[in-house]
Amino acid sequence: MRLTNPLWYLAAFLLAIGSAMAATAVAASAFDPVRDARVTPATERVDAKGATLAIYTDIVQVDRDILCRGRYGDKDKGRIEIPDKGVDVTADSDGTRWHLIGLLEQGRDGLRIVCTPTDKRTDNASYGYATVTGYSSRVNNGRGIAYIGIAAGAVLAGWIFWCRRQARRDAHLASAVVD
């Protein structure tokens, strides 16, 4: 089948953009278990091996940056930076509304969570954590859908280009033979 109509490029674009939209919806569903998590105060050590570690605070501090780290090992010598999550996801647990401030996709056992404001001023917020399963797999599924859909759109656009080029060359050869 030769796709020579230029409107087929629109079909390739819609395939790529549609798969990116579907991938975004799948990846956004990764926050569902983060919203439904039961938050535990960060005074205890965390056992999060094989799960995603979500860090929460009970007070939203818009004008302050909070840096969270996980400390492990003897006398807490090892440190893991817990990346900030730039989305406002809340979880209701035991009558408290918790706000997501950090997410570590590959948790580990024996972490002690320490969160401090970067401005070193007094902090009256409480911090908590939750171990979440299924976050990474949903994010990876979303990435896979996006990569496959965009690649399929690019392959279709390449096929259309090749078909149109072949049709022009055939038309050029046919006109040369007639002359």
C-alpha atoms as a PDB file:
ATOM      1  CA  MET A   1       0.000   0.000   0.000  1.00  0.00           C
ATOM      2  CA  ARG A   2       1.429   3.362  -1.033  1.00  0.00           C
ATOM      3  CA  LEU A   3       0.603   6.261   1.223  1.00  0.00           C
ATOM      4  CA  THR A   4       1.062   9.259  -1.061  1.00  0.00           C
ATOM      5  CA  ASN A   5      -1.549  11.680   0.265  1.00  0.00           C
ATOM      6  CA  PRO A   6       0.125  14.317   2.494  1.00  0.00           C
ATOM      7  CA  LEU A   7      -2.730  13.982   5.006  1.00  0.00           C
ATOM      8  CA  TRP A   8      -1.129  10.726   6.116  1.00  0.00           C
ATOM      9  CA  TYR A   9       1.472  12.869   7.871  1.00  0.00           C
ATOM     10  CA  LEU A  10      -1.367  14.143  10.037  1.00  0.00           C
ATOM     11  CA  ALA A  11      -2.232  10.538  10.912  1.00  0.00           C
ATOM     12  CA  ALA A  12       1.396   9.906  11.941  1.00  0.00           C
ATOM     13  CA  PHE A  13       1.395  13.049  14.079  1.00  0.00           C
ATOM     14  CA  LEU A  14      -1.924  12.109  15.713  1.00  0.00           C
ATOM     15  CA  LEU A  15      -0.587   8.619  16.476  1.00  0.00           C
ATOM     16  CA  ALA A  16       2.460  10.090  18.204  1.00  0.00           C
ATOM     17  CA  ILE A  17       0.585  12.783  20.129  1.00  0.00           C
ATOM     18  CA  GLY A  18      -2.256  10.408  21.074  1.00  0.00           C
ATOM     19  CA  SER A  19       0.157   7.869  22.500  1.00  0.00           C
ATOM     20  CA  ALA A  20       1.917  10.625  24.450  1.00  0.00           C
ATOM     21  CA  MET A  21      -1.434  11.662  25.933  1.00  0.00           C
ATOM     22  CA  ALA A  22      -2.282   8.068  26.865  1.00  0.00           C
ATOM     23  CA  ALA A  23       1.175   7.645  28.385  1.00  0.00           C
ATOM     24  CA  THR A  24       0.666  10.763  30.493  1.00  0.00           C
ATOM     25  CA  ALA A  25      -2.606   9.373  31.856  1.00  0.00           C
ATOM     26  CA  VAL A  26      -0.967   6.041  32.716  1.00  0.00           C
ATOM     27  CA  ALA A  27       2.006   7.743  34.365  1.00  0.00           C
ATOM     28  CA  ALA A  28      -0.281  10.076  36.329  1.00  0.00           C
ATOM     29  CA  SER A  29      -2.108   7.057  37.739  1.00  0.00           C
ATOM     30  CA  ALA A  30       1.163   6.200  39.507  1.00  0.00           C
ATOM     31  CA  PHE A  31       0.206   8.752  42.169  1.00  0.00           C
ATOM     32  CA  ASP A  32      -2.951   6.809  43.125  1.00  0.00           C
ATOM     33  CA  PRO A  33      -1.138   4.565  45.652  1.00  0.00           C
ATOM     34  CA  VAL A  34       0.717   7.646  46.952  1.00  0.00           C
ATOM     35  CA  ARG A  35      -2.654   9.315  47.687  1.00  0.00           C
ATOM     36  CA  ASP A  36      -4.039   6.205  49.378  1.00  0.00           C
ATOM     37  CA  ALA A  37      -0.963   5.484  51.509  1.00  0.00           C
ATOM     38  CA  ARG A  38      -1.039   5.237  55.275  1.00  0.00           C
ATOM     39  CA  VAL A  39       1.500   7.746  56.599  1.00  0.00           C
ATOM     40  CA  THR A  40       3.761   6.833  59.520  1.00  0.00           C
ATOM     41  CA  PRO A  41       5.611   9.490  61.559  1.00  0.00           C
ATOM     42  CA  ALA A  42       9.265   9.812  60.550  1.00  0.00           C
ATOM     43  CA  THR A  43      10.508   9.054  64.053  1.00  0.00           C
ATOM     44  CA  GLU A  44      10.910   5.356  63.207  1.00  0.00           C
ATOM     45  CA  ARG A  45      13.374   3.698  60.871  1.00  0.00           C
ATOM     46  CA  VAL A  46      12.004   2.855  57.459  1.00  0.00           C
ATOM     47  CA  ASP A  47      11.933  -0.601  55.907  1.00  0.00           C
ATOM     48  CA  ALA A  48      11.254   0.175  52.238  1.00  0.00           C
ATOM     49  CA  LYS A  49      13.352  -2.310  50.297  1.00  0.00           C
ATOM     50  CA  GLY A  50      11.624  -3.164  47.015  1.00  0.00           C
ATOM     51  CA  ALA A  51       9.125  -0.307  47.343  1.00  0.00           C
ATOM     52  CA  THR A  52       8.915   3.407  46.684  1.00  0.00           C
ATOM     53  CA  LEU A  53       9.435   5.668  49.690  1.00  0.00           C
ATOM     54  CA  ALA A  54       7.149   8.714  49.854  1.00  0.00           C
ATOM     55  CA  ILE A  55       7.949  11.551  52.287  1.00  0.00           C
ATOM     56  CA  TYR A  56       5.152  13.817  53.563  1.00  0.00           C
ATOM     57  CA  THR A  57       4.722  16.918  55.694  1.00  0.00           C
ATOM     58  CA  ASP A  58       1.627  18.130  57.517  1.00  0.00           C
ATOM     59  CA  ILE A  59       2.213  21.841  56.823  1.00  0.00           C
ATOM     60  CA  VAL A  60       2.576  23.279  53.322  1.00  0.00           C
ATOM     61  CA  GLN A  61       5.472  25.720  53.358  1.00  0.00           C
ATOM     62  CA  VAL A  62       5.317  27.393  49.959  1.00  0.00           C
ATOM     63  CA  ASP A  63       8.114  29.911  50.538  1.00  0.00           C
ATOM     64  CA  ARG A  64      10.571  27.387  52.031  1.00  0.00           C
ATOM     65  CA  ASP A  65      12.612  24.581  50.515  1.00  0.00           C
ATOM     66  CA  ILE A  66      12.684  21.388  52.542  1.00  0.00           C
ATOM     67  CA  LEU A  67      15.613  19.010  52.013  1.00  0.00           C
ATOM     68  CA  CYS A  68      15.018  15.381  52.970  1.00  0.00           C
ATOM     69  CA  ARG A  69      17.684  12.721  53.342  1.00  0.00           C
ATOM     70  CA  GLY A  70      17.697   9.113  54.315  1.00  0.00           C
ATOM     71  CA  ARG A  71      20.514   8.087  56.634  1.00  0.00           C
ATOM     72  CA  TYR A  72      21.641   4.495  56.966  1.00  0.00           C
ATOM     73  CA  GLY A  73      24.460   2.400  58.324  1.00  0.00           C
ATOM     74  CA  ASP A  74      26.296   2.430  61.603  1.00  0.00           C
ATOM     75  CA  LYS A  75      25.923   5.800  63.290  1.00  0.00           C
ATOM     76  CA  ASP A  76      24.066   7.074  60.191  1.00  0.00           C
ATOM     77  CA  LYS A  77      27.201   7.680  58.120  1.00  0.00           C
ATOM     78  CA  GLY A  78      25.630   6.928  54.744  1.00  0.00           C
ATOM     79  CA  ARG A  79      23.192   9.397  53.179  1.00  0.00           C
ATOM     80  CA  ILE A  80      20.703   9.247  50.345  1.00  0.00           C
ATOM     81  CA  GLU A  81      19.202  12.443  48.950  1.00  0.00           C
ATOM     82  CA  ILE A  82      15.438  12.087  48.562  1.00  0.00           C
ATOM     83  CA  PRO A  83      14.387  13.978  45.419  1.00  0.00           C
ATOM     84  CA  ASP A  84      11.746  16.664  45.717  1.00  0.00           C
ATOM     85  CA  LYS A  85       8.470  16.004  43.911  1.00  0.00           C
ATOM     86  CA  GLY A  86       7.109  19.149  42.286  1.00  0.00           C
ATOM     87  CA  VAL A  87       3.462  18.083  42.436  1.00  0.00           C
ATOM     88  CA  ASP A  88       0.982  18.684  45.222  1.00  0.00           C
ATOM     89  CA  VAL A  89      -0.311  15.245  46.144  1.00  0.00           C
ATOM     90  CA  THR A  90      -2.116  14.830  49.441  1.00  0.00           C
ATOM     91  CA  ALA A  91      -2.849  11.783  51.555  1.00  0.00           C
ATOM     92  CA  ASP A  92      -5.323  11.669  54.422  1.00  0.00           C
ATOM     93  CA  SER A  93      -4.192   9.392  57.225  1.00  0.00           C
ATOM     94  CA  ASP A  94      -5.483   9.210  60.804  1.00  0.00           C
ATOM     95  CA  GLY A  95      -7.286  12.552  60.521  1.00  0.00           C
ATOM     96  CA  THR A  96      -4.265  14.469  59.227  1.00  0.00           C
ATOM     97  CA  ARG A  97      -3.809  15.781  55.704  1.00  0.00           C
ATOM     98  CA  TRP A  98      -0.264  15.020  54.565  1.00  0.00           C
ATOM     99  CA  HIS A  99       1.414  16.711  51.573  1.00  0.00           C
ATOM    100  CA  LEU A 100       3.972  14.883  49.440  1.00  0.00           C
ATOM    101  CA  ILE A 101       7.392  16.559  49.465  1.00  0.00           C
ATOM    102  CA  GLY A 102       9.757  13.809  48.314  1.00  0.00           C
ATOM    103  CA  LEU A 103       9.775  10.472  46.546  1.00  0.00           C
ATOM    104  CA  LEU A 104      12.566   7.889  46.441  1.00  0.00           C
ATOM    105  CA  GLU A 105      11.768   5.280  43.787  1.00  0.00           C
ATOM    106  CA  GLN A 106      14.216   2.671  45.096  1.00  0.00           C
ATOM    107  CA  GLY A 107      13.737   2.476  48.835  1.00  0.00           C
ATOM    108  CA  ARG A 108      15.945   0.493  51.183  1.00  0.00           C
ATOM    109  CA  ASP A 109      15.780  -0.953  54.671  1.00  0.00           C
ATOM    110  CA  GLY A 110      17.056   0.776  57.792  1.00  0.00           C
ATOM    111  CA  LEU A 111      16.703   4.392  56.653  1.00  0.00           C
ATOM    112  CA  ARG A 112      16.230   7.172  59.144  1.00  0.00           C
ATOM    113  CA  ILE A 113      14.406  10.089  57.518  1.00  0.00           C
ATOM    114  CA  VAL A 114      15.719  13.581  58.278  1.00  0.00           C
ATOM    115  CA  CYS A 115      14.023  16.639  56.763  1.00  0.00           C
ATOM    116  CA  THR A 116      15.293  20.165  57.356  1.00  0.00           C
ATOM    117  CA  PRO A 117      14.516  23.542  55.786  1.00  0.00           C
ATOM    118  CA  THR A 118      17.386  24.891  53.705  1.00  0.00           C
ATOM    119  CA  ASP A 119      17.067  28.352  55.282  1.00  0.00           C
ATOM    120  CA  LYS A 120      17.938  26.879  58.739  1.00  0.00           C
ATOM    121  CA  ARG A 121      15.067  28.695  60.451  1.00  0.00           C
ATOM    122  CA  THR A 122      12.849  27.061  63.059  1.00  0.00           C
ATOM    123  CA  ASP A 123      10.607  24.380  61.634  1.00  0.00           C
ATOM    124  CA  ASN A 124       7.336  23.393  63.330  1.00  0.00           C
ATOM    125  CA  ALA A 125       6.163  20.898  60.682  1.00  0.00           C
ATOM    126  CA  SER A 126       5.850  17.181  61.239  1.00  0.00           C
ATOM    127  CA  TYR A 127       7.186  14.711  58.719  1.00  0.00           C
ATOM    128  CA  GLY A 128       6.054  11.233  57.824  1.00  0.00           C
ATOM    129  CA  TYR A 129       6.677   8.500  55.320  1.00  0.00           C
ATOM    130  CA  ALA A 130       4.865   5.731  53.529  1.00  0.00           C
ATOM    131  CA  THR A 131       6.077   2.780  51.507  1.00  0.00           C
ATOM    132  CA  VAL A 132       4.264   2.504  48.196  1.00  0.00           C
ATOM    133  CA  THR A 133       4.209  -0.392  45.763  1.00  0.00           C
ATOM    134  CA  GLY A 134       3.350  -0.045  42.103  1.00  0.00           C
ATOM    135  CA  TYR A 135       4.591   3.512  41.552  1.00  0.00           C
ATOM    136  CA  SER A 136       7.671   2.634  39.487  1.00  0.00           C
ATOM    137  CA  SER A 137       5.885   0.061  37.341  1.00  0.00           C
ATOM    138  CA  ARG A 138       3.149   2.532  36.375  1.00  0.00           C
ATOM    139  CA  VAL A 139       5.672   5.227  35.518  1.00  0.00           C
ATOM    140  CA  ASN A 140       7.643   2.742  33.410  1.00  0.00           C
ATOM    141  CA  ASN A 141       4.454   1.605  31.655  1.00  0.00           C
ATOM    142  CA  GLY A 142       3.720   5.228  30.778  1.00  0.00           C
ATOM    143  CA  ARG A 143       7.245   5.695  29.418  1.00  0.00           C
ATOM    144  CA  GLY A 144       6.931   2.514  27.365  1.00  0.00           C
ATOM    145  CA  ILE A 145       3.643   3.617  25.836  1.00  0.00           C
ATOM    146  CA  ALA A 146       5.128   7.003  24.953  1.00  0.00           C
ATOM    147  CA  TYR A 147       8.292   5.553  23.420  1.00  0.00           C
ATOM    148  CA  ILE A 148       6.435   2.937  21.373  1.00  0.00           C
ATOM    149  CA  GLY A 149       3.754   5.366  20.162  1.00  0.00           C
ATOM    150  CA  ILE A 150       6.198   8.099  19.209  1.00  0.00           C
ATOM    151  CA  ALA A 151       8.448   5.572  17.473  1.00  0.00           C
ATOM    152  CA  ALA A 152       5.443   4.173  15.570  1.00  0.00           C
ATOM    153  CA  GLY A 153       4.477   7.708  14.499  1.00  0.00           C
ATOM    154  CA  ALA A 154       8.034   8.372  13.321  1.00  0.00           C
ATOM    155  CA  VAL A 155       8.146   5.073  11.389  1.00  0.00           C
ATOM    156  CA  LEU A 156       4.801   5.878   9.767  1.00  0.00           C
ATOM    157  CA  ALA A 157       6.047   9.350   8.795  1.00  0.00           C
ATOM    158  CA  GLY A 158       9.191   7.789   7.323  1.00  0.00           C
ATOM    159  CA  TRP A 159       7.101   5.274   5.369  1.00  0.00           C
ATOM    160  CA  ILE A 160       4.908   8.097   4.025  1.00  0.00           C
ATOM    161  CA  PHE A 161       7.986  10.076   2.980  1.00  0.00           C
ATOM    162  CA  TRP A 162       9.430   7.047   1.191  1.00  0.00           C
ATOM    163  CA  CYS A 163       6.117   6.287  -0.583  1.00  0.00           C
ATOM    164  CA  ARG A 164       5.728   9.890  -1.725  1.00  0.00           C
ATOM    165  CA  ARG A 165       9.327  10.007  -2.951  1.00  0.00           C
ATOM    166  CA  GLN A 166       8.868   6.738  -4.887  1.00  0.00           C
ATOM    167  CA  ALA A 167       5.645   8.045  -6.447  1.00  0.00           C
ATOM    168  CA  ARG A 168       7.401  11.259  -7.555  1.00  0.00           C
ATOM    169  CA  ARG A 169      10.299   9.297  -8.989  1.00  0.00           C
ATOM    170  CA  ASP A 170       7.949   6.929 -10.835  1.00  0.00           C
ATOM    171  CA  ALA A 171       6.027   9.913 -12.235  1.00  0.00           C
ATOM    172  CA  HIS A 172       9.292  11.561 -13.292  1.00  0.00           C
ATOM    173  CA  LEU A 173      10.495   8.365 -14.994  1.00  0.00           C
ATOM    174  CA  ALA A 174       7.127   7.921 -16.731  1.00  0.00           C
ATOM    175  CA  SER A 175       7.239  11.477 -18.067  1.00  0.00           C
ATOM    176  CA  ALA A 176      10.824  10.984 -19.264  1.00  0.00           C
ATOM    177  CA  VAL A 177       9.835   7.824 -21.172  1.00  0.00           C
ATOM    178  CA  VAL A 178       6.884   9.591 -22.854  1.00  0.00           C
ATOM    179  CA  ASP A 179       9.093  12.494 -24.037  1.00  0.00           C
END
